[in-house]
Amino acid sequence: MWLDAIHYKIKESGKYISKAVYTILWVGLSGKKEILGLYLSENEGANFWLQVLTDLNNRGIQDILIASVDGLKGFPEAIKAIFPKTEVQLCIVH
């Protein structure tokens, strides 16, 4: 699973502001890629990721084998709080 937030400038009330779109890309055991969710927030943070992961768990995701993430502080701990057996891999591109 790849978890990343992409930042976009959007026009809101006549002004351009930055928003974070949290993206979750999953590769299942069959090898098929799926977008499991897109979530919108004012900015990126580990606390919001914790909410996203909790939502995924509530929707039926029971375990994540490998999570590829950037170096956001607190992100690996948020993953381990919901999915404790997950191997967290820091992405070298970031």
C-alpha atoms as a PDB file:
ATOM      1  CA  MET A   1       0.000   0.000   0.000  1.00  0.00           C
ATOM      2  CA  TRP A   2       1.217   3.488  -0.861  1.00  0.00           C
ATOM      3  CA  LEU A   3       0.008   6.333   1.327  1.00  0.00           C
ATOM      4  CA  ASP A   4       0.777   9.904   0.328  1.00  0.00           C
ATOM      5  CA  ALA A   5      -0.760  13.363   0.438  1.00  0.00           C
ATOM      6  CA  ILE A   6      -0.566  15.525  -2.671  1.00  0.00           C
ATOM      7  CA  HIS A   7      -0.891  19.275  -2.199  1.00  0.00           C
ATOM      8  CA  TYR A   8      -3.001  21.281  -4.649  1.00  0.00           C
ATOM      9  CA  LYS A   9      -3.820  24.949  -5.016  1.00  0.00           C
ATOM     10  CA  ILE A  10      -7.561  25.377  -5.332  1.00  0.00           C
ATOM     11  CA  LYS A  11      -9.779  28.408  -5.652  1.00  0.00           C
ATOM     12  CA  GLU A  12     -12.098  28.874  -2.687  1.00  0.00           C
ATOM     13  CA  SER A  13     -14.182  32.008  -2.111  1.00  0.00           C
ATOM     14  CA  GLY A  14     -12.206  33.858  -4.773  1.00  0.00           C
ATOM     15  CA  LYS A  15      -8.789  33.053  -3.250  1.00  0.00           C
ATOM     16  CA  TYR A  16      -6.262  30.327  -4.016  1.00  0.00           C
ATOM     17  CA  ILE A  17      -5.463  28.137  -1.035  1.00  0.00           C
ATOM     18  CA  SER A  18      -3.513  24.924  -0.558  1.00  0.00           C
ATOM     19  CA  LYS A  19      -5.302  21.664   0.271  1.00  0.00           C
ATOM     20  CA  ALA A  20      -3.903  18.190   0.899  1.00  0.00           C
ATOM     21  CA  VAL A  21      -5.471  15.225  -0.894  1.00  0.00           C
ATOM     22  CA  TYR A  22      -4.632  12.014   0.945  1.00  0.00           C
ATOM     23  CA  THR A  23      -4.292   9.150  -1.525  1.00  0.00           C
ATOM     24  CA  ILE A  24      -4.282   5.435  -0.721  1.00  0.00           C
ATOM     25  CA  LEU A  25      -3.148   3.060  -3.497  1.00  0.00           C
ATOM     26  CA  TRP A  26      -3.404  -0.662  -2.790  1.00  0.00           C
ATOM     27  CA  VAL A  27      -2.066  -3.676  -4.676  1.00  0.00           C
ATOM     28  CA  GLY A  28      -4.083  -6.753  -3.716  1.00  0.00           C
ATOM     29  CA  LEU A  29      -2.867 -10.342  -3.682  1.00  0.00           C
ATOM     30  CA  SER A  30      -4.097 -10.758  -7.263  1.00  0.00           C
ATOM     31  CA  GLY A  31      -1.810  -7.903  -8.378  1.00  0.00           C
ATOM     32  CA  LYS A  32      -4.681  -5.552  -9.206  1.00  0.00           C
ATOM     33  CA  LYS A  33      -4.154  -1.890  -8.237  1.00  0.00           C
ATOM     34  CA  GLU A  34      -6.991  -0.017  -6.581  1.00  0.00           C
ATOM     35  CA  ILE A  35      -7.457   3.437  -5.118  1.00  0.00           C
ATOM     36  CA  LEU A  36      -8.944   2.729  -1.684  1.00  0.00           C
ATOM     37  CA  GLY A  37      -9.619   6.332  -0.849  1.00  0.00           C
ATOM     38  CA  LEU A  38      -9.099  10.018  -1.419  1.00  0.00           C
ATOM     39  CA  TYR A  39      -9.454  12.310   1.586  1.00  0.00           C
ATOM     40  CA  LEU A  40      -9.299  16.115   1.654  1.00  0.00           C
ATOM     41  CA  SER A  41      -7.743  18.193   4.446  1.00  0.00           C
ATOM     42  CA  GLU A  42      -6.267  21.632   5.001  1.00  0.00           C
ATOM     43  CA  ASN A  43      -2.759  20.166   5.405  1.00  0.00           C
ATOM     44  CA  GLU A  44      -0.933  16.883   5.918  1.00  0.00           C
ATOM     45  CA  GLY A  45      -0.430  15.502   9.410  1.00  0.00           C
ATOM     46  CA  ALA A  46      -0.048  12.212  11.258  1.00  0.00           C
ATOM     47  CA  ASN A  47      -3.271  12.793  13.216  1.00  0.00           C
ATOM     48  CA  PHE A  48      -5.323  13.027  10.032  1.00  0.00           C
ATOM     49  CA  TRP A  49      -3.554   9.933   8.689  1.00  0.00           C
ATOM     50  CA  LEU A  50      -4.641   8.146  11.872  1.00  0.00           C
ATOM     51  CA  GLN A  51      -8.256   9.064  11.036  1.00  0.00           C
ATOM     52  CA  VAL A  52      -7.804   7.817   7.451  1.00  0.00           C
ATOM     53  CA  LEU A  53      -6.313   4.509   8.635  1.00  0.00           C
ATOM     54  CA  THR A  54      -9.102   4.087  11.184  1.00  0.00           C
ATOM     55  CA  ASP A  55     -11.644   4.614   8.396  1.00  0.00           C
ATOM     56  CA  LEU A  56      -9.912   1.991   6.233  1.00  0.00           C
ATOM     57  CA  ASN A  57      -9.982  -0.441   9.160  1.00  0.00           C
ATOM     58  CA  ASN A  58     -13.688   0.279   9.752  1.00  0.00           C
ATOM     59  CA  ARG A  59     -14.326  -0.366   6.038  1.00  0.00           C
ATOM     60  CA  GLY A  60     -12.844  -3.873   6.341  1.00  0.00           C
ATOM     61  CA  ILE A  61      -9.086  -3.606   5.773  1.00  0.00           C
ATOM     62  CA  GLN A  62      -7.712  -6.019   8.367  1.00  0.00           C
ATOM     63  CA  ASP A  63      -3.990  -5.909   7.668  1.00  0.00           C
ATOM     64  CA  ILE A  64      -1.372  -4.147   5.534  1.00  0.00           C
ATOM     65  CA  LEU A  65       1.676  -6.191   4.528  1.00  0.00           C
ATOM     66  CA  ILE A  66       3.905  -3.251   3.478  1.00  0.00           C
ATOM     67  CA  ALA A  67       3.118   0.473   3.707  1.00  0.00           C
ATOM     68  CA  SER A  68       5.276   2.810   1.622  1.00  0.00           C
ATOM     69  CA  VAL A  69       5.234   6.327   3.077  1.00  0.00           C
ATOM     70  CA  ASP A  70       7.228   9.547   3.138  1.00  0.00           C
ATOM     71  CA  GLY A  71       9.157  10.784   6.170  1.00  0.00           C
ATOM     72  CA  LEU A  72       6.257  12.617   7.844  1.00  0.00           C
ATOM     73  CA  LYS A  73       6.871  12.699  11.599  1.00  0.00           C
ATOM     74  CA  GLY A  74       4.537  10.356  13.473  1.00  0.00           C
ATOM     75  CA  PHE A  75       3.262   8.625  10.318  1.00  0.00           C
ATOM     76  CA  PRO A  76       4.823   5.180  11.014  1.00  0.00           C
ATOM     77  CA  GLU A  77       3.455   5.297  14.570  1.00  0.00           C
ATOM     78  CA  ALA A  78      -0.039   6.107  13.257  1.00  0.00           C
ATOM     79  CA  ILE A  79       0.126   3.083  10.948  1.00  0.00           C
ATOM     80  CA  LYS A  80       1.343   0.793  13.734  1.00  0.00           C
ATOM     81  CA  ALA A  81      -1.457   2.003  16.037  1.00  0.00           C
ATOM     82  CA  ILE A  82      -4.123   0.614  13.681  1.00  0.00           C
ATOM     83  CA  PHE A  83      -2.181  -2.087  11.810  1.00  0.00           C
ATOM     84  CA  PRO A  84       0.581  -3.241  14.225  1.00  0.00           C
ATOM     85  CA  LYS A  85       2.015  -6.003  12.014  1.00  0.00           C
ATOM     86  CA  THR A  86       2.647  -3.681   9.041  1.00  0.00           C
ATOM     87  CA  GLU A  87       6.163  -3.323   7.670  1.00  0.00           C
ATOM     88  CA  VAL A  88       6.639   0.427   7.104  1.00  0.00           C
ATOM     89  CA  GLN A  89       8.959   1.316   4.227  1.00  0.00           C
ATOM     90  CA  LEU A  90      10.144   4.891   3.842  1.00  0.00           C
ATOM     91  CA  CYS A  91       9.982   5.949   0.194  1.00  0.00           C
ATOM     92  CA  ILE A  92      13.410   6.897  -1.181  1.00  0.00           C
ATOM     93  CA  VAL A  93      11.875   9.324  -3.721  1.00  0.00           C
ATOM     94  CA  HIS A  94      10.816  11.668  -0.934  1.00  0.00           C
END
